[in-house]
């Protein structure tokens, strides 16, 4: 049975470096795993949802998500590795863990920190929270 891996990406250099590092490890696996990129958009704050229809908000999430997925997708394309991508909205750590569990992934592969992390913290809050909450094994790549 083919392994299914979830790579959360946020468009940051750290996130793209983790994808590049994973590409270098792909030969460890007997057969190429099924790769899924996941981008989590922060929900629009305040009164915005009261004044903009759900369709427009979803379109906004899709557009922003595609921008943040572009570099990771290009790295995988260049390496000749097939992937699928998904864009959801919510709190990153919670959404990543929920998605990984609901879709029965074998592993979550993340960088030590992405956007919104304080420089110099050993492990970003999102990575740390994922490792704490997840029942799916987490591979942390620098």
Protein backbone atom coordinates (compact mmCIF):
# COMPACT_ATOMS: atom_id res chain seq x y z
CA UNK A 1 0.00 0.00 0.00
CA UNK A 2 1.36 3.42 -0.96
CA UNK A 3 2.31 5.77 1.86
CA UNK A 4 0.41 9.07 2.04
CA UNK A 5 2.33 12.14 3.24
CA UNK A 6 1.00 15.57 4.16
CA UNK A 7 3.31 18.55 3.65
CA UNK A 8 1.80 21.74 5.10
CA UNK A 9 3.24 24.77 3.28
CA UNK A 10 2.78 28.48 3.92
CA UNK A 11 4.97 30.02 1.23
CA UNK A 12 7.79 30.86 3.67
CA UNK A 13 11.44 30.05 2.96
CA UNK A 14 11.46 27.58 5.86
CA UNK A 15 8.44 25.75 4.50
CA UNK A 16 9.98 25.59 1.00
CA UNK A 17 13.31 24.39 2.46
CA UNK A 18 11.45 21.55 4.21
CA UNK A 19 9.91 20.53 0.86
CA UNK A 20 13.38 20.66 -0.77
CA UNK A 21 14.86 18.58 2.08
CA UNK A 22 12.03 16.05 1.71
CA UNK A 23 12.70 15.77 -2.05
CA UNK A 24 16.31 14.83 -1.18
CA UNK A 25 15.04 12.03 1.10
CA UNK A 26 12.46 10.61 -1.29
CA UNK A 27 14.78 7.83 -2.42
CA UNK A 28 14.64 6.39 1.11
CA UNK A 29 11.23 5.02 0.22
CA UNK A 30 10.84 1.86 -1.84
CA UNK A 31 8.07 3.48 -3.81
CA UNK A 32 7.36 7.19 -4.12
CA UNK A 33 4.76 8.17 -1.50
CA UNK A 34 1.54 9.97 -2.40
CA UNK A 35 2.30 13.64 -1.69
CA UNK A 36 -0.33 16.16 -0.61
CA UNK A 37 0.47 19.83 -0.02
CA UNK A 38 -1.81 21.62 2.42
CA UNK A 39 -2.09 25.39 2.78
CA UNK A 40 -4.05 26.85 5.69
CA UNK A 41 -5.42 30.36 5.28
CA UNK A 42 -6.17 32.41 8.38
CA UNK A 43 -9.91 33.16 8.53
CA UNK A 44 -10.83 36.75 7.67
CA UNK A 45 -11.24 38.72 10.86
CA UNK A 46 -13.89 41.03 12.20
CA UNK A 47 -16.96 42.04 10.20
CA UNK A 48 -15.59 41.07 6.79
CA UNK A 49 -17.73 37.89 6.52
CA UNK A 50 -20.88 39.97 7.20
CA UNK A 51 -20.28 42.13 4.12
CA UNK A 52 -18.75 39.71 1.63
CA UNK A 53 -20.49 36.59 0.35
CA UNK A 54 -19.05 33.18 1.20
CA UNK A 55 -18.21 32.49 -2.45
CA UNK A 56 -15.97 35.59 -2.66
CA UNK A 57 -14.26 34.69 0.62
CA UNK A 58 -13.63 31.12 -0.60
CA UNK A 59 -12.24 32.51 -3.86
CA UNK A 60 -9.94 34.81 -1.88
CA UNK A 61 -8.65 31.83 0.19
CA UNK A 62 -8.05 29.83 -3.00
CA UNK A 63 -6.11 32.67 -4.67
CA UNK A 64 -3.96 33.40 -1.60
CA UNK A 65 -3.41 29.68 -1.00
CA UNK A 66 -2.28 29.10 -4.59
CA UNK A 67 0.28 31.92 -4.22
CA UNK A 68 1.65 30.34 -1.04
CA UNK A 69 1.76 26.87 -2.65
CA UNK A 70 3.47 27.98 -5.89
CA UNK A 71 7.15 27.64 -4.85
CA UNK A 72 6.66 24.23 -3.18
CA UNK A 73 4.76 23.01 -6.24
CA UNK A 74 7.55 24.18 -8.55
CA UNK A 75 10.14 22.31 -6.45
CA UNK A 76 8.13 19.08 -6.73
CA UNK A 77 7.44 19.63 -10.45
CA UNK A 78 11.15 20.19 -11.08
CA UNK A 79 11.97 16.94 -9.23
CA UNK A 80 9.31 15.10 -11.27
CA UNK A 81 7.27 14.24 -8.16
CA UNK A 82 3.49 14.16 -8.50
CA UNK A 83 1.41 15.84 -5.82
CA UNK A 84 -2.05 17.12 -5.01
CA UNK A 85 -2.79 20.32 -3.14
CA UNK A 86 -5.53 21.44 -0.76
CA UNK A 87 -6.41 24.85 0.66
CA UNK A 88 -8.41 25.23 3.87
CA UNK A 89 -9.12 28.09 6.27
CA UNK A 90 -8.68 27.99 10.03
CA UNK A 91 -6.02 27.86 12.75
CA UNK A 92 -2.96 26.27 11.10
CA UNK A 93 -1.93 23.66 13.69
CA UNK A 94 -5.50 22.52 14.39
CA UNK A 95 -6.43 22.31 10.71
CA UNK A 96 -3.25 20.43 9.78
CA UNK A 97 -3.74 17.85 12.53
CA UNK A 98 -7.46 17.45 11.80
CA UNK A 99 -6.85 17.11 8.05
CA UNK A 100 -4.06 14.56 8.56
CA UNK A 101 -6.23 12.44 10.87
CA UNK A 102 -9.46 12.67 8.85
CA UNK A 103 -7.71 11.83 5.56
CA UNK A 104 -5.65 8.99 7.13
CA UNK A 105 -2.18 10.28 6.29
CA UNK A 106 0.81 8.14 7.29
CA UNK A 107 3.01 11.11 8.13
CA UNK A 108 3.04 14.91 8.44
CA UNK A 109 6.25 16.50 7.15
CA UNK A 110 7.03 20.01 8.39
CA UNK A 111 9.80 22.55 8.74
CA UNK A 112 10.73 23.72 12.24
CA UNK A 113 8.97 27.03 11.70
CA UNK A 114 7.14 28.96 9.03
CA UNK A 115 5.51 32.37 8.81
CA UNK A 116 4.60 34.23 11.94
CA UNK A 117 7.33 32.57 13.97
CA UNK A 118 9.61 34.58 16.19
CA UNK A 119 13.18 34.35 14.89
CA UNK A 120 15.47 32.41 17.15
CA UNK A 121 12.80 30.18 18.66
CA UNK A 122 14.05 26.62 18.27
CA UNK A 123 10.68 25.28 17.23
CA UNK A 124 7.88 27.42 15.86
CA UNK A 125 4.57 27.45 17.69
CA UNK A 126 2.73 25.76 14.80
CA UNK A 127 5.29 22.95 14.50
CA UNK A 128 5.37 22.54 18.27
CA UNK A 129 1.56 22.40 18.49
CA UNK A 130 1.30 19.89 15.63
CA UNK A 131 3.82 17.61 17.34
CA UNK A 132 1.87 17.90 20.58
CA UNK A 133 -1.62 17.30 19.11
CA UNK A 134 -1.06 14.87 16.26
CA UNK A 135 -1.77 11.14 16.44
CA UNK A 136 -0.17 10.94 12.95
CA UNK A 137 3.66 10.67 13.07
CA UNK A 138 5.46 13.96 12.39
CA UNK A 139 8.77 14.25 10.52
CA UNK A 140 10.51 17.54 11.27
CA UNK A 141 12.88 18.69 8.50
CA UNK A 142 15.27 21.61 8.78
